[in-house]
Amino acid sequence: MTEETNKEEEVIARLDAFAELPDAPPKRRLKLSWVGKVSVAVVVFWLVIVAIGPSIAPFHEMDMEGDDSFLDAYSGEYGTFYLGTDYIGRDTFSRILFGARNTIGISLLATLLAYLMGITLGILAAVKGGWIDMGISRVNDAILALPTIMLGLIVIAAFGSSILVLILTAAVIYATSVFRIARALGQDIMVQDFVEAAQARGEGIWWVIRAEVLPNAAMPLATDFGLRLVFVVLFISSLSFLGLGIQPPASDWGSMVRENLQGLTYGSYAAIWPACAIASFTIAINLIVDDISAKSGGSLAKKMV
């Protein structure tokens, strides 16, 4: 009986030691400047195009309706070419609408998969530590040591260029950066007073991860998601520009730039329009991330790599 009483007194004393510790930081409403709001509108516009672009396109992406290559915008007997035609007479405007689904859609899926892998492994390494942290971190460092484009070229040369291969390759490559961020955030949060208080109450490790670690890491991770999406868009577009991404006759913005580069010598803008589409989407996301980081006093930017 005396032993049980002593154990109870030890538990009570331990809880009393954490009685004055603060709770988890309260959530704050996110406020954007007018630049951030305009950027959000641009991103939402392209996401809508991803969903409905092919259904509102004047022509199919493979239709060669133009009488000649690199035509300027005009209305003819076959229809209206708002942005002219490409190097084999296909409507540039329609191909941009179709290409948005491939470029943004594939990049978004790859980024989501990268975050699923990166956050899971990063939080696991931060919470468990020891040999688990050491093993995952060393494999992660080995992948990070390889240049992204070179690694992508090796994988595509070995397994071929398909949508599934592109998504998995981009996801694995960029999950390494997400892992580093999630691990750093997890280690930082695990030593906070409110986590120690939760552990003193007897909360299990999965409860601590779900109720304390993930909510407090959500904002930095969500902000980094935008930057990582930009990197994946540029990665997929770069592979397509090199001819190893989305294969013809399917359209995506990177391959459209490569295919129509020769049109610049004839005064055609067929290569400029998809480049502008890539720029508008990526710049808008960067402006949103900068705005969110500025509102948090720059603390988010310091945690992102």
C-alpha atoms as a PDB file:
ATOM      1  CA  MET A   1       0.000   0.000   0.000  1.00  0.00           C
ATOM      2  CA  THR A   2       2.825   2.343   0.875  1.00  0.00           C
ATOM      3  CA  GLU A   3       4.528   1.636  -2.487  1.00  0.00           C
ATOM      4  CA  GLU A   4       1.340   2.473  -4.415  1.00  0.00           C
ATOM      5  CA  THR A   5       0.951   5.684  -2.400  1.00  0.00           C
ATOM      6  CA  ASN A   6       4.514   6.708  -3.224  1.00  0.00           C
ATOM      7  CA  LYS A   7       3.925   6.086  -6.942  1.00  0.00           C
ATOM      8  CA  GLU A   8       0.770   8.218  -6.863  1.00  0.00           C
ATOM      9  CA  GLU A   9       2.638  11.004  -5.091  1.00  0.00           C
ATOM     10  CA  GLU A  10       5.411  10.859  -7.732  1.00  0.00           C
ATOM     11  CA  VAL A  11       2.862  11.137 -10.561  1.00  0.00           C
ATOM     12  CA  ILE A  12       1.115  14.064  -8.835  1.00  0.00           C
ATOM     13  CA  ALA A  13       4.428  15.831  -8.243  1.00  0.00           C
ATOM     14  CA  ARG A  14       5.410  15.351 -11.879  1.00  0.00           C
ATOM     15  CA  LEU A  15       2.092  16.764 -13.084  1.00  0.00           C
ATOM     16  CA  ASP A  16       2.408  19.724 -10.719  1.00  0.00           C
ATOM     17  CA  ALA A  17       5.795  20.509 -12.212  1.00  0.00           C
ATOM     18  CA  PHE A  18       4.128  21.009 -15.592  1.00  0.00           C
ATOM     19  CA  ALA A  19       1.027  22.793 -14.258  1.00  0.00           C
ATOM     20  CA  GLU A  20       2.286  26.225 -15.172  1.00  0.00           C
ATOM     21  CA  LEU A  21       3.571  25.304 -18.631  1.00  0.00           C
ATOM     22  CA  PRO A  22       1.878  27.078 -21.542  1.00  0.00           C
ATOM     23  CA  ASP A  23      -0.460  25.386 -23.959  1.00  0.00           C
ATOM     24  CA  ALA A  24       0.325  25.040 -27.654  1.00  0.00           C
ATOM     25  CA  PRO A  25       0.487  28.370 -29.502  1.00  0.00           C
ATOM     26  CA  PRO A  26      -2.951  29.591 -30.634  1.00  0.00           C
ATOM     27  CA  LYS A  27      -3.858  29.566 -34.309  1.00  0.00           C
ATOM     28  CA  ARG A  28      -3.697  32.882 -36.135  1.00  0.00           C
ATOM     29  CA  ARG A  29      -5.754  33.976 -39.110  1.00  0.00           C
ATOM     30  CA  LEU A  30      -3.851  34.309 -42.336  1.00  0.00           C
ATOM     31  CA  LYS A  31      -4.042  37.761 -43.925  1.00  0.00           C
ATOM     32  CA  LEU A  32      -2.651  38.450 -47.391  1.00  0.00           C
ATOM     33  CA  SER A  33      -1.695  41.734 -49.024  1.00  0.00           C
ATOM     34  CA  TRP A  34      -3.214  42.759 -52.337  1.00  0.00           C
ATOM     35  CA  VAL A  35      -0.242  41.184 -54.117  1.00  0.00           C
ATOM     36  CA  GLY A  36      -0.912  37.903 -52.349  1.00  0.00           C
ATOM     37  CA  LYS A  37      -4.618  38.073 -53.188  1.00  0.00           C
ATOM     38  CA  VAL A  38      -3.904  38.701 -56.879  1.00  0.00           C
ATOM     39  CA  SER A  39      -1.442  35.804 -56.848  1.00  0.00           C
ATOM     40  CA  VAL A  40      -4.048  33.540 -55.272  1.00  0.00           C
ATOM     41  CA  ALA A  41      -6.456  34.529 -58.052  1.00  0.00           C
ATOM     42  CA  VAL A  42      -3.860  33.591 -60.690  1.00  0.00           C
ATOM     43  CA  VAL A  43      -3.207  30.210 -59.077  1.00  0.00           C
ATOM     44  CA  VAL A  44      -6.935  29.511 -58.731  1.00  0.00           C
ATOM     45  CA  PHE A  45      -7.410  30.468 -62.401  1.00  0.00           C
ATOM     46  CA  TRP A  46      -4.865  27.880 -63.530  1.00  0.00           C
ATOM     47  CA  LEU A  47      -6.316  25.229 -61.218  1.00  0.00           C
ATOM     48  CA  VAL A  48      -9.716  25.855 -62.797  1.00  0.00           C
ATOM     49  CA  ILE A  49      -8.115  25.513 -66.233  1.00  0.00           C
ATOM     50  CA  VAL A  50      -6.644  22.185 -65.121  1.00  0.00           C
ATOM     51  CA  ALA A  51     -10.168  21.004 -64.322  1.00  0.00           C
ATOM     52  CA  ILE A  52     -12.102  22.392 -67.309  1.00  0.00           C
ATOM     53  CA  GLY A  53      -9.433  23.436 -69.835  1.00  0.00           C
ATOM     54  CA  PRO A  54      -9.872  20.584 -72.360  1.00  0.00           C
ATOM     55  CA  SER A  55     -13.657  21.011 -72.363  1.00  0.00           C
ATOM     56  CA  ILE A  56     -13.509  24.732 -73.246  1.00  0.00           C
ATOM     57  CA  ALA A  57     -10.640  24.521 -75.759  1.00  0.00           C
ATOM     58  CA  PRO A  58     -11.691  25.598 -79.285  1.00  0.00           C
ATOM     59  CA  PHE A  59      -9.816  22.659 -80.827  1.00  0.00           C
ATOM     60  CA  HIS A  60      -8.387  19.337 -79.743  1.00  0.00           C
ATOM     61  CA  GLU A  61      -4.711  19.414 -78.850  1.00  0.00           C
ATOM     62  CA  MET A  62      -3.846  17.161 -81.814  1.00  0.00           C
ATOM     63  CA  ASP A  63      -5.952  18.896 -84.477  1.00  0.00           C
ATOM     64  CA  MET A  64      -3.863  20.476 -87.248  1.00  0.00           C
ATOM     65  CA  GLU A  65      -6.439  23.059 -88.349  1.00  0.00           C
ATOM     66  CA  GLY A  66      -4.101  25.846 -89.445  1.00  0.00           C
ATOM     67  CA  ASP A  67      -3.241  26.314 -93.120  1.00  0.00           C
ATOM     68  CA  ASP A  68       0.411  26.881 -92.267  1.00  0.00           C
ATOM     69  CA  SER A  69       2.851  26.747 -89.369  1.00  0.00           C
ATOM     70  CA  PHE A  70       3.531  29.709 -87.047  1.00  0.00           C
ATOM     71  CA  LEU A  71       0.474  31.699 -88.085  1.00  0.00           C
ATOM     72  CA  ASP A  72      -0.405  34.836 -86.153  1.00  0.00           C
ATOM     73  CA  ALA A  73      -3.716  35.123 -84.352  1.00  0.00           C
ATOM     74  CA  TYR A  74      -6.555  35.292 -86.851  1.00  0.00           C
ATOM     75  CA  SER A  75     -10.075  34.131 -87.625  1.00  0.00           C
ATOM     76  CA  GLY A  76     -10.464  31.913 -90.678  1.00  0.00           C
ATOM     77  CA  GLU A  77     -12.776  29.331 -92.125  1.00  0.00           C
ATOM     78  CA  TYR A  78     -11.570  26.696 -89.652  1.00  0.00           C
ATOM     79  CA  GLY A  79     -12.126  28.856 -86.583  1.00  0.00           C
ATOM     80  CA  THR A  80     -10.368  31.459 -84.462  1.00  0.00           C
ATOM     81  CA  PHE A  81      -6.744  30.979 -83.458  1.00  0.00           C
ATOM     82  CA  TYR A  82      -6.433  33.377 -80.532  1.00  0.00           C
ATOM     83  CA  LEU A  83      -2.694  32.846 -80.045  1.00  0.00           C
ATOM     84  CA  GLY A  84      -1.832  31.646 -83.526  1.00  0.00           C
ATOM     85  CA  THR A  85      -0.617  28.161 -84.481  1.00  0.00           C
ATOM     86  CA  ASP A  86       2.457  26.113 -83.663  1.00  0.00           C
ATOM     87  CA  TYR A  87       5.096  24.594 -85.912  1.00  0.00           C
ATOM     88  CA  ILE A  88       2.678  22.132 -87.569  1.00  0.00           C
ATOM     89  CA  GLY A  89      -0.459  24.265 -87.587  1.00  0.00           C
ATOM     90  CA  ARG A  90      -2.046  23.304 -84.255  1.00  0.00           C
ATOM     91  CA  ASP A  91      -3.892  25.922 -82.201  1.00  0.00           C
ATOM     92  CA  THR A  92      -1.516  27.253 -79.529  1.00  0.00           C
ATOM     93  CA  PHE A  93      -4.323  28.450 -77.256  1.00  0.00           C
ATOM     94  CA  SER A  94      -5.985  25.017 -77.201  1.00  0.00           C
ATOM     95  CA  ARG A  95      -2.689  23.255 -76.536  1.00  0.00           C
ATOM     96  CA  ILE A  96      -1.981  25.553 -73.581  1.00  0.00           C
ATOM     97  CA  LEU A  97      -5.385  24.666 -72.109  1.00  0.00           C
ATOM     98  CA  PHE A  98      -4.720  20.957 -72.600  1.00  0.00           C
ATOM     99  CA  GLY A  99      -1.118  21.280 -71.421  1.00  0.00           C
ATOM    100  CA  ALA A 100      -2.157  22.832 -68.105  1.00  0.00           C
ATOM    101  CA  ARG A 101      -3.639  19.511 -67.021  1.00  0.00           C
ATOM    102  CA  ASN A 102      -0.419  17.650 -67.812  1.00  0.00           C
ATOM    103  CA  THR A 103       2.050  20.205 -66.457  1.00  0.00           C
ATOM    104  CA  ILE A 104       0.202  21.334 -63.320  1.00  0.00           C
ATOM    105  CA  GLY A 105      -1.722  18.105 -62.723  1.00  0.00           C
ATOM    106  CA  ILE A 106       1.336  15.839 -62.832  1.00  0.00           C
ATOM    107  CA  SER A 107       3.358  18.312 -60.740  1.00  0.00           C
ATOM    108  CA  LEU A 108       0.596  18.559 -58.132  1.00  0.00           C
ATOM    109  CA  LEU A 109       0.291  14.777 -57.812  1.00  0.00           C
ATOM    110  CA  ALA A 110       4.071  14.412 -57.548  1.00  0.00           C
ATOM    111  CA  THR A 111       4.273  17.128 -54.881  1.00  0.00           C
ATOM    112  CA  LEU A 112       1.463  15.577 -52.820  1.00  0.00           C
ATOM    113  CA  LEU A 113       3.192  12.196 -52.957  1.00  0.00           C
ATOM    114  CA  ALA A 114       6.514  13.813 -52.030  1.00  0.00           C
ATOM    115  CA  TYR A 115       4.900  15.404 -48.977  1.00  0.00           C
ATOM    116  CA  LEU A 116       3.226  12.187 -47.947  1.00  0.00           C
ATOM    117  CA  MET A 117       6.577  10.379 -47.970  1.00  0.00           C
ATOM    118  CA  GLY A 118       8.665  13.268 -46.637  1.00  0.00           C
ATOM    119  CA  ILE A 119       6.424  14.197 -43.712  1.00  0.00           C
ATOM    120  CA  THR A 120       5.859  10.577 -42.668  1.00  0.00           C
ATOM    121  CA  LEU A 121       9.557   9.722 -42.640  1.00  0.00           C
ATOM    122  CA  GLY A 122      10.615  13.123 -41.233  1.00  0.00           C
ATOM    123  CA  ILE A 123       8.271  13.032 -38.251  1.00  0.00           C
ATOM    124  CA  LEU A 124       9.143   9.375 -37.656  1.00  0.00           C
ATOM    125  CA  ALA A 125      12.856  10.193 -37.589  1.00  0.00           C
ATOM    126  CA  ALA A 126      12.330  13.201 -35.305  1.00  0.00           C
ATOM    127  CA  VAL A 127      10.168  11.320 -32.823  1.00  0.00           C
ATOM    128  CA  LYS A 128      11.988   7.975 -32.706  1.00  0.00           C
ATOM    129  CA  GLY A 129      15.570   9.166 -33.152  1.00  0.00           C
ATOM    130  CA  GLY A 130      18.410   6.693 -32.705  1.00  0.00           C
ATOM    131  CA  TRP A 131      19.230   4.247 -35.489  1.00  0.00           C
ATOM    132  CA  ILE A 132      15.933   4.942 -37.283  1.00  0.00           C
ATOM    133  CA  ASP A 133      16.820   8.612 -37.609  1.00  0.00           C
ATOM    134  CA  MET A 134      20.387   7.757 -38.597  1.00  0.00           C
ATOM    135  CA  GLY A 135      19.395   5.235 -41.279  1.00  0.00           C
ATOM    136  CA  ILE A 136      16.697   7.361 -42.930  1.00  0.00           C
ATOM    137  CA  SER A 137      18.862  10.498 -42.821  1.00  0.00           C
ATOM    138  CA  ARG A 138      21.848   8.809 -44.493  1.00  0.00           C
ATOM    139  CA  VAL A 139      19.718   7.473 -47.356  1.00  0.00           C
ATOM    140  CA  ASN A 140      18.139  10.908 -47.691  1.00  0.00           C
ATOM    141  CA  ASP A 141      21.560  12.573 -47.826  1.00  0.00           C
ATOM    142  CA  ALA A 142      22.693  10.162 -50.542  1.00  0.00           C
ATOM    143  CA  ILE A 143      19.735  11.116 -52.755  1.00  0.00           C
ATOM    144  CA  LEU A 144      20.222  14.817 -52.034  1.00  0.00           C
ATOM    145  CA  ALA A 145      23.847  14.576 -53.153  1.00  0.00           C
ATOM    146  CA  LEU A 146      22.756  13.766 -56.721  1.00  0.00           C
ATOM    147  CA  PRO A 147      21.742  16.600 -59.106  1.00  0.00           C
ATOM    148  CA  THR A 148      17.982  16.478 -59.670  1.00  0.00           C
ATOM    149  CA  ILE A 149      18.033  16.689 -63.469  1.00  0.00           C
ATOM    150  CA  MET A 150      20.797  14.084 -63.737  1.00  0.00           C
ATOM    151  CA  LEU A 151      18.928  11.717 -61.419  1.00  0.00           C
ATOM    152  CA  GLY A 152      15.751  12.247 -63.434  1.00  0.00           C
ATOM    153  CA  LEU A 153      17.555  11.506 -66.692  1.00  0.00           C
ATOM    154  CA  ILE A 154      19.024   8.281 -65.251  1.00  0.00           C
ATOM    155  CA  VAL A 155      15.642   7.042 -64.007  1.00  0.00           C
ATOM    156  CA  ILE A 156      13.862   7.875 -67.271  1.00  0.00           C
ATOM    157  CA  ALA A 157      16.624   6.241 -69.311  1.00  0.00           C
ATOM    158  CA  ALA A 158      16.224   3.087 -67.210  1.00  0.00           C
ATOM    159  CA  PHE A 159      12.422   2.881 -66.944  1.00  0.00           C
ATOM    160  CA  GLY A 160      11.171   4.952 -69.862  1.00  0.00           C
ATOM    161  CA  SER A 161       9.201   8.172 -69.981  1.00  0.00           C
ATOM    162  CA  SER A 162       5.639   7.673 -68.776  1.00  0.00           C
ATOM    163  CA  ILE A 163       3.352   9.710 -66.569  1.00  0.00           C
ATOM    164  CA  LEU A 164       3.711   7.220 -63.698  1.00  0.00           C
ATOM    165  CA  VAL A 165       7.512   7.266 -63.929  1.00  0.00           C
ATOM    166  CA  LEU A 166       7.549  11.084 -64.015  1.00  0.00           C
ATOM    167  CA  ILE A 167       5.327  11.326 -60.928  1.00  0.00           C
ATOM    168  CA  LEU A 168       7.295   8.753 -58.914  1.00  0.00           C
ATOM    169  CA  THR A 169      10.665  10.196 -59.946  1.00  0.00           C
ATOM    170  CA  ALA A 170       9.733  13.763 -59.010  1.00  0.00           C
ATOM    171  CA  ALA A 171       8.105  12.570 -55.767  1.00  0.00           C
ATOM    172  CA  VAL A 172      11.189  10.660 -54.585  1.00  0.00           C
ATOM    173  CA  ILE A 173      13.588  13.443 -55.556  1.00  0.00           C
ATOM    174  CA  TYR A 174      11.685  16.202 -53.765  1.00  0.00           C
ATOM    175  CA  ALA A 175      10.601  14.077 -50.797  1.00  0.00           C
ATOM    176  CA  THR A 176      14.204  14.356 -49.612  1.00  0.00           C
ATOM    177  CA  SER A 177      13.883  18.112 -49.076  1.00  0.00           C
ATOM    178  CA  VAL A 178      10.498  17.693 -47.404  1.00  0.00           C
ATOM    179  CA  PHE A 179      12.049  15.088 -45.084  1.00  0.00           C
ATOM    180  CA  ARG A 180      14.697  17.553 -43.901  1.00  0.00           C
ATOM    181  CA  ILE A 181      12.123  20.231 -43.145  1.00  0.00           C
ATOM    182  CA  ALA A 182       9.686  17.860 -41.410  1.00  0.00           C
ATOM    183  CA  ARG A 183      12.494  16.330 -39.348  1.00  0.00           C
ATOM    184  CA  ALA A 184      13.812  19.749 -38.265  1.00  0.00           C
ATOM    185  CA  LEU A 185      10.331  20.970 -37.342  1.00  0.00           C
ATOM    186  CA  GLY A 186       9.557  17.744 -35.491  1.00  0.00           C
ATOM    187  CA  GLN A 187      12.756  17.913 -33.450  1.00  0.00           C
ATOM    188  CA  ASP A 188      12.067  21.550 -32.591  1.00  0.00           C
ATOM    189  CA  ILE A 189       8.482  20.880 -31.494  1.00  0.00           C
ATOM    190  CA  MET A 190       9.276  17.722 -29.504  1.00  0.00           C
ATOM    191  CA  VAL A 191      11.335  19.707 -26.967  1.00  0.00           C
ATOM    192  CA  GLN A 192       8.664  22.353 -26.403  1.00  0.00           C
ATOM    193  CA  ASP A 193       7.016  22.674 -23.009  1.00  0.00           C
ATOM    194  CA  PHE A 194       3.511  21.831 -24.223  1.00  0.00           C
ATOM    195  CA  VAL A 195       4.770  18.531 -25.662  1.00  0.00           C
ATOM    196  CA  GLU A 196       6.509  17.660 -22.395  1.00  0.00           C
ATOM    197  CA  ALA A 197       3.292  18.495 -20.550  1.00  0.00           C
ATOM    198  CA  ALA A 198       1.319  16.172 -22.821  1.00  0.00           C
ATOM    199  CA  GLN A 199       3.831  13.381 -22.253  1.00  0.00           C
ATOM    200  CA  ALA A 200       3.660  13.979 -18.489  1.00  0.00           C
ATOM    201  CA  ARG A 201      -0.119  13.518 -18.662  1.00  0.00           C
ATOM    202  CA  GLY A 202       0.543  10.087 -20.102  1.00  0.00           C
ATOM    203  CA  GLU A 203      -0.404  10.818 -23.717  1.00  0.00           C
ATOM    204  CA  GLY A 204       0.897   8.287 -26.223  1.00  0.00           C
ATOM    205  CA  ILE A 205       3.387   9.129 -28.954  1.00  0.00           C
ATOM    206  CA  TRP A 206       0.778   8.962 -31.736  1.00  0.00           C
ATOM    207  CA  TRP A 207      -1.473  11.366 -29.842  1.00  0.00           C
ATOM    208  CA  VAL A 208       1.445  13.768 -29.437  1.00  0.00           C
ATOM    209  CA  ILE A 209       2.203  13.582 -33.167  1.00  0.00           C
ATOM    210  CA  ARG A 210      -1.442  14.074 -34.183  1.00  0.00           C
ATOM    211  CA  ALA A 211      -2.426  16.731 -31.627  1.00  0.00           C
ATOM    212  CA  GLU A 212       0.807  18.644 -31.036  1.00  0.00           C
ATOM    213  CA  VAL A 213       3.491  18.075 -33.679  1.00  0.00           C
ATOM    214  CA  LEU A 214       1.489  18.110 -36.915  1.00  0.00           C
ATOM    215  CA  PRO A 215      -0.742  21.131 -36.066  1.00  0.00           C
ATOM    216  CA  ASN A 216       2.276  23.253 -35.121  1.00  0.00           C
ATOM    217  CA  ALA A 217       4.258  22.161 -38.166  1.00  0.00           C
ATOM    218  CA  ALA A 218       1.336  22.649 -40.562  1.00  0.00           C
ATOM    219  CA  MET A 219       1.961  26.297 -41.506  1.00  0.00           C
ATOM    220  CA  PRO A 220       5.676  25.994 -42.371  1.00  0.00           C
ATOM    221  CA  LEU A 221       4.975  22.776 -44.276  1.00  0.00           C
ATOM    222  CA  ALA A 222       2.032  24.302 -46.134  1.00  0.00           C
ATOM    223  CA  THR A 223       4.139  27.303 -47.085  1.00  0.00           C
ATOM    224  CA  ASP A 224       6.977  25.099 -48.288  1.00  0.00           C
ATOM    225  CA  PHE A 225       4.449  23.085 -50.307  1.00  0.00           C
ATOM    226  CA  GLY A 226       4.075  26.071 -52.627  1.00  0.00           C
ATOM    227  CA  LEU A 227       7.807  26.353 -53.209  1.00  0.00           C
ATOM    228  CA  ARG A 228       8.157  22.616 -53.703  1.00  0.00           C
ATOM    229  CA  LEU A 229       5.326  22.681 -56.263  1.00  0.00           C
ATOM    230  CA  VAL A 230       7.198  25.376 -58.187  1.00  0.00           C
ATOM    231  CA  PHE A 231      10.349  23.233 -58.209  1.00  0.00           C
ATOM    232  CA  VAL A 232       8.418  20.212 -59.455  1.00  0.00           C
ATOM    233  CA  VAL A 233       6.731  22.243 -62.224  1.00  0.00           C
ATOM    234  CA  LEU A 234      10.133  23.476 -63.383  1.00  0.00           C
ATOM    235  CA  PHE A 235      11.580  19.953 -63.101  1.00  0.00           C
ATOM    236  CA  ILE A 236       8.806  18.400 -65.206  1.00  0.00           C
ATOM    237  CA  SER A 237       8.985  21.269 -67.709  1.00  0.00           C
ATOM    238  CA  SER A 238      12.778  20.912 -67.953  1.00  0.00           C
ATOM    239  CA  LEU A 239      12.501  17.196 -68.711  1.00  0.00           C
ATOM    240  CA  SER A 240       9.861  17.937 -71.345  1.00  0.00           C
ATOM    241  CA  PHE A 241      12.068  20.635 -72.828  1.00  0.00           C
ATOM    242  CA  LEU A 242      14.813  18.028 -73.151  1.00  0.00           C
ATOM    243  CA  GLY A 243      12.358  15.669 -74.836  1.00  0.00           C
ATOM    244  CA  LEU A 244      12.156  13.226 -71.902  1.00  0.00           C
ATOM    245  CA  GLY A 245       8.950  14.386 -70.234  1.00  0.00           C
ATOM    246  CA  ILE A 246       5.421  14.162 -71.618  1.00  0.00           C
ATOM    247  CA  GLN A 247       5.741  12.582 -75.037  1.00  0.00           C
ATOM    248  CA  PRO A 248       4.115  13.898 -78.245  1.00  0.00           C
ATOM    249  CA  PRO A 249       1.431  14.276 -79.411  1.00  0.00           C
ATOM    250  CA  ALA A 250       0.231  15.038 -75.855  1.00  0.00           C
ATOM    251  CA  SER A 251       0.858  18.658 -74.932  1.00  0.00           C
ATOM    252  CA  ASP A 252       2.577  20.170 -71.948  1.00  0.00           C
ATOM    253  CA  TRP A 253       4.121  23.592 -71.535  1.00  0.00           C
ATOM    254  CA  GLY A 254       7.764  22.518 -71.456  1.00  0.00           C
ATOM    255  CA  SER A 255       7.587  20.537 -74.678  1.00  0.00           C
ATOM    256  CA  MET A 256       5.618  23.341 -76.358  1.00  0.00           C
ATOM    257  CA  VAL A 257       8.512  25.721 -75.716  1.00  0.00           C
ATOM    258  CA  ARG A 258      11.018  23.268 -77.188  1.00  0.00           C
ATOM    259  CA  GLU A 259       8.922  22.441 -80.257  1.00  0.00           C
ATOM    260  CA  ASN A 260       8.316  26.050 -81.216  1.00  0.00           C
ATOM    261  CA  LEU A 261      11.703  27.618 -80.520  1.00  0.00           C
ATOM    262  CA  GLN A 262      12.465  27.838 -84.238  1.00  0.00           C
ATOM    263  CA  GLY A 263       9.403  30.052 -84.648  1.00  0.00           C
ATOM    264  CA  LEU A 264      11.190  32.880 -82.843  1.00  0.00           C
ATOM    265  CA  THR A 265      13.297  33.451 -85.989  1.00  0.00           C
ATOM    266  CA  TYR A 266      10.057  34.011 -87.940  1.00  0.00           C
ATOM    267  CA  GLY A 267       8.568  36.401 -85.397  1.00  0.00           C
ATOM    268  CA  SER A 268       6.178  33.805 -83.963  1.00  0.00           C
ATOM    269  CA  TYR A 269       5.129  33.863 -80.303  1.00  0.00           C
ATOM    270  CA  ALA A 270       4.253  30.149 -80.217  1.00  0.00           C
ATOM    271  CA  ALA A 271       7.145  29.437 -77.824  1.00  0.00           C
ATOM    272  CA  ILE A 272       6.515  32.555 -75.733  1.00  0.00           C
ATOM    273  CA  TRP A 273       2.933  31.779 -74.689  1.00  0.00           C
ATOM    274  CA  PRO A 274       3.623  28.472 -72.865  1.00  0.00           C
ATOM    275  CA  ALA A 275       6.700  30.058 -71.255  1.00  0.00           C
ATOM    276  CA  CYS A 276       4.455  32.875 -70.001  1.00  0.00           C
ATOM    277  CA  ALA A 277       2.020  30.281 -68.629  1.00  0.00           C
ATOM    278  CA  ILE A 278       4.822  28.596 -66.658  1.00  0.00           C
ATOM    279  CA  ALA A 279       6.082  31.966 -65.426  1.00  0.00           C
ATOM    280  CA  SER A 280       2.649  33.228 -64.341  1.00  0.00           C
ATOM    281  CA  PHE A 281       1.913  30.096 -62.316  1.00  0.00           C
ATOM    282  CA  THR A 282       5.306  29.793 -60.634  1.00  0.00           C
ATOM    283  CA  ILE A 283       5.714  33.518 -59.923  1.00  0.00           C
ATOM    284  CA  ALA A 284       2.224  33.689 -58.406  1.00  0.00           C
ATOM    285  CA  ILE A 285       3.024  30.835 -56.020  1.00  0.00           C
ATOM    286  CA  ASN A 286       6.335  32.463 -55.062  1.00  0.00           C
ATOM    287  CA  LEU A 287       4.566  35.740 -54.288  1.00  0.00           C
ATOM    288  CA  ILE A 288       2.054  33.930 -52.080  1.00  0.00           C
ATOM    289  CA  VAL A 289       4.848  32.198 -50.165  1.00  0.00           C
ATOM    290  CA  ASP A 290       6.748  35.477 -49.766  1.00  0.00           C
ATOM    291  CA  ASP A 291       3.616  37.205 -48.504  1.00  0.00           C
ATOM    292  CA  ILE A 292       2.885  34.501 -45.932  1.00  0.00           C
ATOM    293  CA  SER A 293       6.510  34.487 -44.774  1.00  0.00           C
ATOM    294  CA  ALA A 294       6.529  38.274 -44.447  1.00  0.00           C
ATOM    295  CA  LYS A 295       3.365  38.189 -42.325  1.00  0.00           C
ATOM    296  CA  SER A 296       5.090  35.750 -39.954  1.00  0.00           C
ATOM    297  CA  GLY A 297       8.110  37.995 -39.529  1.00  0.00           C
ATOM    298  CA  GLY A 298      10.271  35.930 -41.847  1.00  0.00           C
ATOM    299  CA  SER A 299      10.335  33.001 -39.410  1.00  0.00           C
ATOM    300  CA  LEU A 300       8.884  30.634 -41.974  1.00  0.00           C
ATOM    301  CA  ALA A 301      11.534  31.458 -44.537  1.00  0.00           C
ATOM    302  CA  LYS A 302      14.275  30.527 -42.067  1.00  0.00           C
ATOM    303  CA  LYS A 303      12.802  27.050 -41.665  1.00  0.00           C
ATOM    304  CA  MET A 304      12.523  26.347 -45.403  1.00  0.00           C
ATOM    305  CA  VAL A 305      15.392  25.044 -47.526  1.00  0.00           C
END
